[in-house]
N, C-alpha and C. Protein backbone atom coordinates (compact mmCIF):
# COMPACT_ATOMS: atom_id res chain seq x y z
N MET A 1 2.29 37.09 1.27
CA MET A 1 3.52 37.74 1.67
C MET A 1 4.57 37.60 0.57
N ALA A 2 4.56 36.44 -0.11
CA ALA A 2 5.52 36.23 -1.20
C ALA A 2 5.30 37.23 -2.33
N PHE A 3 4.04 37.57 -2.59
CA PHE A 3 3.75 38.55 -3.64
C PHE A 3 4.34 39.91 -3.28
N SER A 4 4.23 40.30 -2.02
CA SER A 4 4.79 41.58 -1.59
C SER A 4 6.30 41.61 -1.73
N VAL A 5 6.94 40.49 -1.44
CA VAL A 5 8.39 40.41 -1.60
C VAL A 5 8.76 40.56 -3.08
N ILE A 6 7.99 39.94 -3.96
CA ILE A 6 8.26 40.05 -5.39
C ILE A 6 8.03 41.47 -5.88
N VAL A 7 6.96 42.10 -5.42
CA VAL A 7 6.65 43.46 -5.86
C VAL A 7 7.69 44.45 -5.35
N LEU A 8 7.96 44.40 -4.05
CA LEU A 8 8.88 45.38 -3.48
C LEU A 8 10.33 45.09 -3.82
N GLY A 9 10.65 43.85 -4.15
CA GLY A 9 12.00 43.51 -4.57
C GLY A 9 12.18 43.55 -6.08
N GLY A 10 11.11 43.86 -6.80
CA GLY A 10 11.15 43.86 -8.26
C GLY A 10 12.08 44.89 -8.86
N THR A 11 12.28 45.99 -8.17
CA THR A 11 13.18 47.02 -8.69
C THR A 11 14.61 46.52 -8.76
N VAL A 12 15.03 45.81 -7.74
CA VAL A 12 16.39 45.26 -7.72
C VAL A 12 16.56 44.21 -8.80
N ILE A 13 15.56 43.37 -8.98
CA ILE A 13 15.62 42.33 -10.01
C ILE A 13 15.65 42.97 -11.40
N ARG A 14 14.89 44.03 -11.56
CA ARG A 14 14.82 44.72 -12.86
C ARG A 14 16.16 45.31 -13.26
N ILE A 15 16.93 45.78 -12.28
CA ILE A 15 18.25 46.34 -12.58
C ILE A 15 19.19 45.25 -13.09
N ALA A 16 19.05 44.04 -12.54
CA ALA A 16 19.96 42.95 -12.90
C ALA A 16 19.67 42.34 -14.26
N LEU A 17 18.44 42.44 -14.74
CA LEU A 17 18.08 41.81 -16.01
C LEU A 17 18.24 42.79 -17.17
N PRO A 18 18.42 42.28 -18.38
CA PRO A 18 18.53 43.17 -19.54
C PRO A 18 17.22 43.90 -19.80
N GLY A 19 17.31 44.99 -20.50
CA GLY A 19 16.17 45.86 -20.74
C GLY A 19 15.06 45.25 -21.57
N ASP A 20 15.36 44.26 -22.41
CA ASP A 20 14.33 43.70 -23.27
C ASP A 20 13.66 42.47 -22.66
N ALA A 21 14.02 42.09 -21.44
CA ALA A 21 13.42 40.91 -20.80
C ALA A 21 11.97 41.20 -20.45
N LEU A 22 11.09 40.23 -20.74
CA LEU A 22 9.68 40.37 -20.38
C LEU A 22 9.56 40.08 -18.89
N MET A 23 9.30 41.09 -18.14
CA MET A 23 9.14 40.94 -16.70
C MET A 23 8.20 42.03 -16.21
N LEU A 24 7.88 41.97 -14.96
CA LEU A 24 7.03 42.98 -14.38
C LEU A 24 7.83 44.24 -14.15
N ARG A 25 7.32 45.35 -14.56
CA ARG A 25 8.05 46.62 -14.47
C ARG A 25 7.71 47.32 -13.17
N PHE A 26 8.44 46.98 -12.11
CA PHE A 26 8.22 47.60 -10.82
C PHE A 26 9.27 48.68 -10.59
N SER A 27 8.85 49.75 -9.97
CA SER A 27 9.76 50.83 -9.61
C SER A 27 9.23 51.48 -8.35
N PHE A 28 10.14 51.82 -7.44
CA PHE A 28 9.71 52.45 -6.20
C PHE A 28 9.15 53.85 -6.43
N SER A 29 9.36 54.42 -7.60
CA SER A 29 8.81 55.73 -7.89
C SER A 29 7.35 55.67 -8.34
N GLN A 30 6.86 54.49 -8.62
CA GLN A 30 5.46 54.33 -9.04
C GLN A 30 4.58 54.07 -7.82
N PRO A 31 3.52 54.85 -7.66
CA PRO A 31 2.63 54.63 -6.52
C PRO A 31 1.96 53.25 -6.54
N LEU A 32 1.72 52.69 -7.73
CA LEU A 32 1.07 51.39 -7.82
C LEU A 32 1.93 50.29 -7.20
N THR A 33 3.24 50.41 -7.31
CA THR A 33 4.13 49.44 -6.68
C THR A 33 3.95 49.44 -5.18
N TRP A 34 3.90 50.61 -4.58
CA TRP A 34 3.71 50.72 -3.14
C TRP A 34 2.33 50.24 -2.72
N ILE A 35 1.31 50.57 -3.51
CA ILE A 35 -0.05 50.13 -3.18
C ILE A 35 -0.15 48.61 -3.22
N MET A 36 0.41 47.98 -4.27
CA MET A 36 0.36 46.52 -4.37
C MET A 36 1.15 45.85 -3.26
N GLY A 37 2.35 46.35 -2.99
CA GLY A 37 3.18 45.75 -1.95
C GLY A 37 2.57 45.87 -0.57
N LEU A 38 2.07 47.06 -0.24
CA LEU A 38 1.47 47.27 1.08
C LEU A 38 0.13 46.56 1.21
N THR A 39 -0.62 46.45 0.11
CA THR A 39 -1.87 45.68 0.15
C THR A 39 -1.58 44.21 0.42
N GLY A 40 -0.55 43.67 -0.19
CA GLY A 40 -0.17 42.28 0.08
C GLY A 40 0.21 42.05 1.53
N ILE A 41 0.96 42.98 2.11
CA ILE A 41 1.33 42.87 3.52
C ILE A 41 0.10 43.00 4.41
N LEU A 42 -0.79 43.93 4.07
CA LEU A 42 -2.02 44.12 4.85
C LEU A 42 -2.91 42.89 4.79
N VAL A 43 -3.05 42.29 3.62
CA VAL A 43 -3.87 41.08 3.47
C VAL A 43 -3.24 39.92 4.26
N ALA A 44 -1.92 39.76 4.17
CA ALA A 44 -1.26 38.68 4.91
C ALA A 44 -1.46 38.85 6.41
N TRP A 45 -1.32 40.07 6.92
CA TRP A 45 -1.51 40.33 8.35
C TRP A 45 -2.97 40.10 8.74
N GLY A 46 -3.92 40.59 7.92
CA GLY A 46 -5.34 40.42 8.22
C GLY A 46 -5.77 38.96 8.20
N LEU A 47 -5.26 38.19 7.27
CA LEU A 47 -5.60 36.76 7.23
C LEU A 47 -4.99 36.01 8.41
N LEU A 48 -3.82 36.44 8.83
CA LEU A 48 -3.20 35.83 10.00
C LEU A 48 -4.05 36.07 11.25
N LYS A 49 -4.70 37.23 11.30
CA LYS A 49 -5.57 37.59 12.44
C LYS A 49 -7.03 37.17 12.21
N HIS A 50 -7.33 36.53 11.09
CA HIS A 50 -8.67 36.02 10.74
C HIS A 50 -9.71 37.12 10.58
N TYR A 51 -9.33 38.22 9.94
CA TYR A 51 -10.29 39.29 9.66
C TYR A 51 -11.02 39.00 8.36
N ARG A 52 -12.33 39.23 8.37
CA ARG A 52 -13.16 38.99 7.18
C ARG A 52 -12.81 39.95 6.05
N TRP A 53 -12.55 41.22 6.37
CA TRP A 53 -12.21 42.19 5.34
C TRP A 53 -10.93 41.79 4.61
N ALA A 54 -10.01 41.14 5.30
CA ALA A 54 -8.76 40.71 4.67
C ALA A 54 -9.03 39.63 3.63
N TRP A 55 -9.99 38.75 3.92
CA TRP A 55 -10.33 37.70 2.95
C TRP A 55 -10.89 38.33 1.68
N TRP A 56 -11.82 39.27 1.85
CA TRP A 56 -12.43 39.92 0.68
C TRP A 56 -11.40 40.76 -0.08
N LEU A 57 -10.58 41.50 0.64
CA LEU A 57 -9.55 42.31 -0.01
C LEU A 57 -8.55 41.42 -0.74
N GLY A 58 -8.18 40.31 -0.13
CA GLY A 58 -7.25 39.39 -0.77
C GLY A 58 -7.83 38.77 -2.03
N MET A 59 -9.09 38.39 -1.98
CA MET A 59 -9.72 37.81 -3.17
C MET A 59 -9.79 38.83 -4.30
N GLY A 60 -10.19 40.04 -3.98
CA GLY A 60 -10.28 41.09 -5.00
C GLY A 60 -8.92 41.46 -5.57
N ALA A 61 -7.94 41.63 -4.69
CA ALA A 61 -6.60 42.00 -5.14
C ALA A 61 -5.96 40.89 -5.96
N ALA A 62 -6.14 39.65 -5.55
CA ALA A 62 -5.56 38.52 -6.29
C ALA A 62 -6.21 38.38 -7.66
N ALA A 63 -7.53 38.54 -7.73
CA ALA A 63 -8.21 38.45 -9.02
C ALA A 63 -7.77 39.57 -9.95
N TYR A 64 -7.64 40.78 -9.42
CA TYR A 64 -7.21 41.91 -10.23
C TYR A 64 -5.78 41.71 -10.73
N GLU A 65 -4.89 41.26 -9.86
CA GLU A 65 -3.50 41.07 -10.26
C GLU A 65 -3.37 39.90 -11.24
N LEU A 66 -4.17 38.86 -11.06
CA LEU A 66 -4.17 37.75 -12.01
C LEU A 66 -4.63 38.23 -13.38
N TYR A 67 -5.61 39.11 -13.41
CA TYR A 67 -6.06 39.69 -14.69
C TYR A 67 -4.95 40.51 -15.34
N ARG A 68 -4.27 41.34 -14.54
CA ARG A 68 -3.20 42.18 -15.09
C ARG A 68 -2.05 41.35 -15.63
N VAL A 69 -1.60 40.38 -14.86
CA VAL A 69 -0.47 39.55 -15.29
C VAL A 69 -0.90 38.64 -16.44
N GLY A 70 -2.12 38.11 -16.38
CA GLY A 70 -2.61 37.26 -17.46
C GLY A 70 -2.69 38.01 -18.77
N SER A 71 -3.14 39.25 -18.75
CA SER A 71 -3.21 40.03 -19.99
C SER A 71 -1.81 40.35 -20.51
N LEU A 72 -0.85 40.55 -19.61
CA LEU A 72 0.54 40.77 -20.04
C LEU A 72 1.09 39.53 -20.71
N ILE A 73 0.83 38.38 -20.13
CA ILE A 73 1.34 37.12 -20.70
C ILE A 73 0.68 36.84 -22.05
N VAL A 74 -0.64 37.06 -22.14
CA VAL A 74 -1.36 36.80 -23.39
C VAL A 74 -0.90 37.76 -24.49
N ASP A 75 -0.63 39.01 -24.14
CA ASP A 75 -0.18 39.98 -25.14
C ASP A 75 1.19 39.63 -25.71
N HIS A 76 2.01 38.93 -24.95
CA HIS A 76 3.37 38.61 -25.38
C HIS A 76 3.57 37.13 -25.68
N VAL A 77 2.48 36.43 -26.01
CA VAL A 77 2.59 35.00 -26.32
C VAL A 77 3.32 34.84 -27.66
N SER A 78 4.29 33.97 -27.64
CA SER A 78 5.04 33.66 -28.85
C SER A 78 5.49 32.21 -28.75
N PHE A 79 5.34 31.49 -29.83
CA PHE A 79 5.76 30.09 -29.82
C PHE A 79 7.28 29.97 -29.92
N SER A 80 7.94 31.02 -30.40
CA SER A 80 9.39 30.97 -30.51
C SER A 80 10.09 31.39 -29.22
N ARG A 81 9.38 32.13 -28.35
CA ARG A 81 9.98 32.59 -27.10
C ARG A 81 8.97 32.37 -25.97
N PRO A 82 9.29 31.51 -25.02
CA PRO A 82 8.35 31.25 -23.93
C PRO A 82 8.21 32.46 -23.01
N PRO A 83 7.11 32.53 -22.25
CA PRO A 83 6.93 33.65 -21.32
C PRO A 83 8.04 33.69 -20.27
N ALA A 84 8.29 34.87 -19.75
CA ALA A 84 9.34 35.05 -18.75
C ALA A 84 8.93 34.41 -17.42
N PHE A 85 9.90 34.21 -16.57
CA PHE A 85 9.69 33.53 -15.31
C PHE A 85 8.85 34.35 -14.32
N TRP A 86 9.14 35.63 -14.19
CA TRP A 86 8.50 36.44 -13.14
C TRP A 86 7.00 36.64 -13.35
N PRO A 87 6.52 36.96 -14.55
CA PRO A 87 5.07 37.03 -14.71
C PRO A 87 4.38 35.69 -14.45
N LEU A 88 5.02 34.60 -14.86
CA LEU A 88 4.44 33.28 -14.60
C LEU A 88 4.41 32.98 -13.10
N LEU A 89 5.46 33.37 -12.39
CA LEU A 89 5.51 33.16 -10.95
C LEU A 89 4.39 33.92 -10.24
N VAL A 90 4.18 35.17 -10.61
CA VAL A 90 3.12 35.97 -9.99
C VAL A 90 1.76 35.38 -10.34
N ALA A 91 1.57 34.95 -11.57
CA ALA A 91 0.29 34.34 -11.96
C ALA A 91 0.03 33.07 -11.16
N VAL A 92 1.04 32.25 -10.98
CA VAL A 92 0.88 31.01 -10.20
C VAL A 92 0.59 31.34 -8.73
N LEU A 93 1.27 32.34 -8.18
CA LEU A 93 1.01 32.74 -6.79
C LEU A 93 -0.43 33.22 -6.61
N MET A 94 -0.91 34.05 -7.52
CA MET A 94 -2.27 34.58 -7.39
C MET A 94 -3.30 33.47 -7.58
N LEU A 95 -3.07 32.59 -8.54
CA LEU A 95 -4.00 31.49 -8.77
C LEU A 95 -4.01 30.54 -7.57
N THR A 96 -2.85 30.27 -7.00
CA THR A 96 -2.77 29.42 -5.81
C THR A 96 -3.50 30.04 -4.64
N PHE A 97 -3.33 31.35 -4.44
CA PHE A 97 -4.04 32.04 -3.37
C PHE A 97 -5.55 31.94 -3.56
N LEU A 98 -6.02 32.17 -4.78
CA LEU A 98 -7.45 32.11 -5.03
C LEU A 98 -8.00 30.70 -4.80
N VAL A 99 -7.27 29.69 -5.23
CA VAL A 99 -7.75 28.32 -5.06
C VAL A 99 -7.76 27.91 -3.59
N LEU A 100 -6.72 28.30 -2.85
CA LEU A 100 -6.65 27.91 -1.44
C LEU A 100 -7.58 28.73 -0.54
N ALA A 101 -7.83 29.96 -0.89
CA ALA A 101 -8.66 30.82 -0.04
C ALA A 101 -10.13 30.79 -0.41
N PHE A 102 -10.49 30.22 -1.54
CA PHE A 102 -11.88 30.27 -2.00
C PHE A 102 -12.84 29.33 -1.27
N PRO A 103 -12.43 28.17 -0.80
CA PRO A 103 -13.41 27.27 -0.16
C PRO A 103 -14.14 27.95 1.01
N SER A 104 -15.37 27.53 1.23
CA SER A 104 -16.22 28.20 2.23
C SER A 104 -15.68 28.06 3.64
N HIS A 105 -15.00 26.97 3.96
CA HIS A 105 -14.49 26.82 5.32
C HIS A 105 -13.36 27.82 5.61
N VAL A 106 -12.64 28.24 4.59
CA VAL A 106 -11.61 29.26 4.79
C VAL A 106 -12.26 30.61 5.03
N ARG A 107 -13.28 30.90 4.26
CA ARG A 107 -14.00 32.19 4.44
C ARG A 107 -14.67 32.25 5.81
N THR A 108 -15.27 31.17 6.25
CA THR A 108 -15.93 31.18 7.56
C THR A 108 -14.94 31.23 8.72
N SER A 109 -13.69 30.79 8.48
CA SER A 109 -12.70 30.90 9.55
C SER A 109 -12.27 32.35 9.76
N CYS A 110 -12.48 33.18 8.77
CA CYS A 110 -12.19 34.62 8.90
C CYS A 110 -13.45 35.28 9.43
N SER A 111 -13.64 35.24 10.71
CA SER A 111 -14.92 35.65 11.29
C SER A 111 -14.85 36.94 12.10
N ARG A 112 -13.71 37.57 12.18
CA ARG A 112 -13.65 38.80 12.96
C ARG A 112 -13.90 40.00 12.10
């Protein structure tokens, strides 16, 4: 759910920061923003209801987003300028989700 808040609230944050800040470029005019935000809400609701498809969708979506954010961070690595806060926050959220949801007892609890 936190990821969806970051994605759907990213447009407001983007307006407040300067144009050269390394951050996630979210805009409500981009369909990918809506897909990511609504997928996060759908996964959170499905996991709350213990649906198996939500576990699989969450794992796939988190791995994909971790790849996207990780490649953004790696492309902009500089020893003189540390990575921005927002990409690191999303990467930590996705990694935390994968670590907490991966054990077999979590997958078996999603049995519907």
